[in-house]
C-alpha cells in the first residue's frame, strides 16, 4: 500500500513512517522544514528505515 504521511520530519510522523516502511509499505512524506532532511522519510528506504 502507498501511504502519505504528513509531518514526516516530526517525532510521531517519523515513527509512523518508519513502522510503515518496516511493514513493507511505500511511504511518501510531507515536511514543512526542508532543513531537516535527515529525519524525513525521503532519507529512509524500505530496506533501511533508519535515518541516514
C-alpha atoms as a PDB file:
ATOM      1  CA  UNK A   1       0.000   0.000   0.000  1.00  0.00           C
ATOM      2  CA  UNK A   2       1.224   3.520  -0.736  1.00  0.00           C
ATOM      3  CA  UNK A   3       0.755   5.789   2.299  1.00  0.00           C
ATOM      4  CA  UNK A   4       1.099   9.583   2.519  1.00  0.00           C
ATOM      5  CA  UNK A   5       2.378  10.808   5.905  1.00  0.00           C
ATOM      6  CA  UNK A   6       2.140  14.471   6.856  1.00  0.00           C
ATOM      7  CA  UNK A   7       4.592  15.777   9.421  1.00  0.00           C
ATOM      8  CA  UNK A   8       7.130  13.125   8.464  1.00  0.00           C
ATOM      9  CA  UNK A   9      10.059  15.074   9.943  1.00  0.00           C
ATOM     10  CA  UNK A  10       8.369  15.234  13.339  1.00  0.00           C
ATOM     11  CA  UNK A  11       8.601  12.787  16.212  1.00  0.00           C
ATOM     12  CA  UNK A  12       5.291  10.978  15.655  1.00  0.00           C
ATOM     13  CA  UNK A  13       5.204  11.245  11.864  1.00  0.00           C
ATOM     14  CA  UNK A  14       8.743   9.885  11.627  1.00  0.00           C
ATOM     15  CA  UNK A  15       7.893   6.954  13.871  1.00  0.00           C
ATOM     16  CA  UNK A  16       4.751   6.191  11.864  1.00  0.00           C
ATOM     17  CA  UNK A  17       6.651   6.370   8.576  1.00  0.00           C
ATOM     18  CA  UNK A  18       9.355   4.048   9.901  1.00  0.00           C
ATOM     19  CA  UNK A  19       6.801   1.476  11.091  1.00  0.00           C
ATOM     20  CA  UNK A  20       5.019   1.604   7.723  1.00  0.00           C
ATOM     21  CA  UNK A  21       8.289   1.108   5.835  1.00  0.00           C
ATOM     22  CA  UNK A  22       9.252  -1.834   8.036  1.00  0.00           C
ATOM     23  CA  UNK A  23       5.837  -3.364   7.325  1.00  0.00           C
ATOM     24  CA  UNK A  24       6.638  -3.195   3.588  1.00  0.00           C
ATOM     25  CA  UNK A  25       4.533  -0.193   2.592  1.00  0.00           C
ATOM     26  CA  UNK A  26       5.625   2.603   0.269  1.00  0.00           C
ATOM     27  CA  UNK A  27       5.679   5.942   2.088  1.00  0.00           C
ATOM     28  CA  UNK A  28       5.606   9.493   0.762  1.00  0.00           C
ATOM     29  CA  UNK A  29       6.301  12.081   3.445  1.00  0.00           C
ATOM     30  CA  UNK A  30       5.395  15.741   3.654  1.00  0.00           C
ATOM     31  CA  UNK A  31       7.580  18.020   5.753  1.00  0.00           C
ATOM     32  CA  UNK A  32       7.333  21.700   6.463  1.00  0.00           C
ATOM     33  CA  UNK A  33      11.024  22.264   7.193  1.00  0.00           C
ATOM     34  CA  UNK A  34      13.304  21.181   4.337  1.00  0.00           C
ATOM     35  CA  UNK A  35      16.294  21.898   6.596  1.00  0.00           C
ATOM     36  CA  UNK A  36      15.571  18.618   8.455  1.00  0.00           C
ATOM     37  CA  UNK A  37      16.091  16.041   5.687  1.00  0.00           C
ATOM     38  CA  UNK A  38      17.894  13.581   7.987  1.00  0.00           C
ATOM     39  CA  UNK A  39      14.662  12.912   9.876  1.00  0.00           C
ATOM     40  CA  UNK A  40      12.339  12.909   6.880  1.00  0.00           C
ATOM     41  CA  UNK A  41      11.077   9.798   5.119  1.00  0.00           C
ATOM     42  CA  UNK A  42      12.845  10.926   1.950  1.00  0.00           C
ATOM     43  CA  UNK A  43      16.084   9.806   3.581  1.00  0.00           C
ATOM     44  CA  UNK A  44      14.718   6.371   4.510  1.00  0.00           C
ATOM     45  CA  UNK A  45      14.223   3.302   2.399  1.00  0.00           C
ATOM     46  CA  UNK A  46      12.215   0.138   2.894  1.00  0.00           C
ATOM     47  CA  UNK A  47      15.448  -1.836   3.343  1.00  0.00           C
ATOM     48  CA  UNK A  48      16.963   0.639   5.779  1.00  0.00           C
ATOM     49  CA  UNK A  49      14.226   2.557   7.589  1.00  0.00           C
ATOM     50  CA  UNK A  50      16.723   4.259   9.906  1.00  0.00           C
ATOM     51  CA  UNK A  51      17.649   7.882   9.217  1.00  0.00           C
ATOM     52  CA  UNK A  52      20.934   8.238   7.338  1.00  0.00           C
END
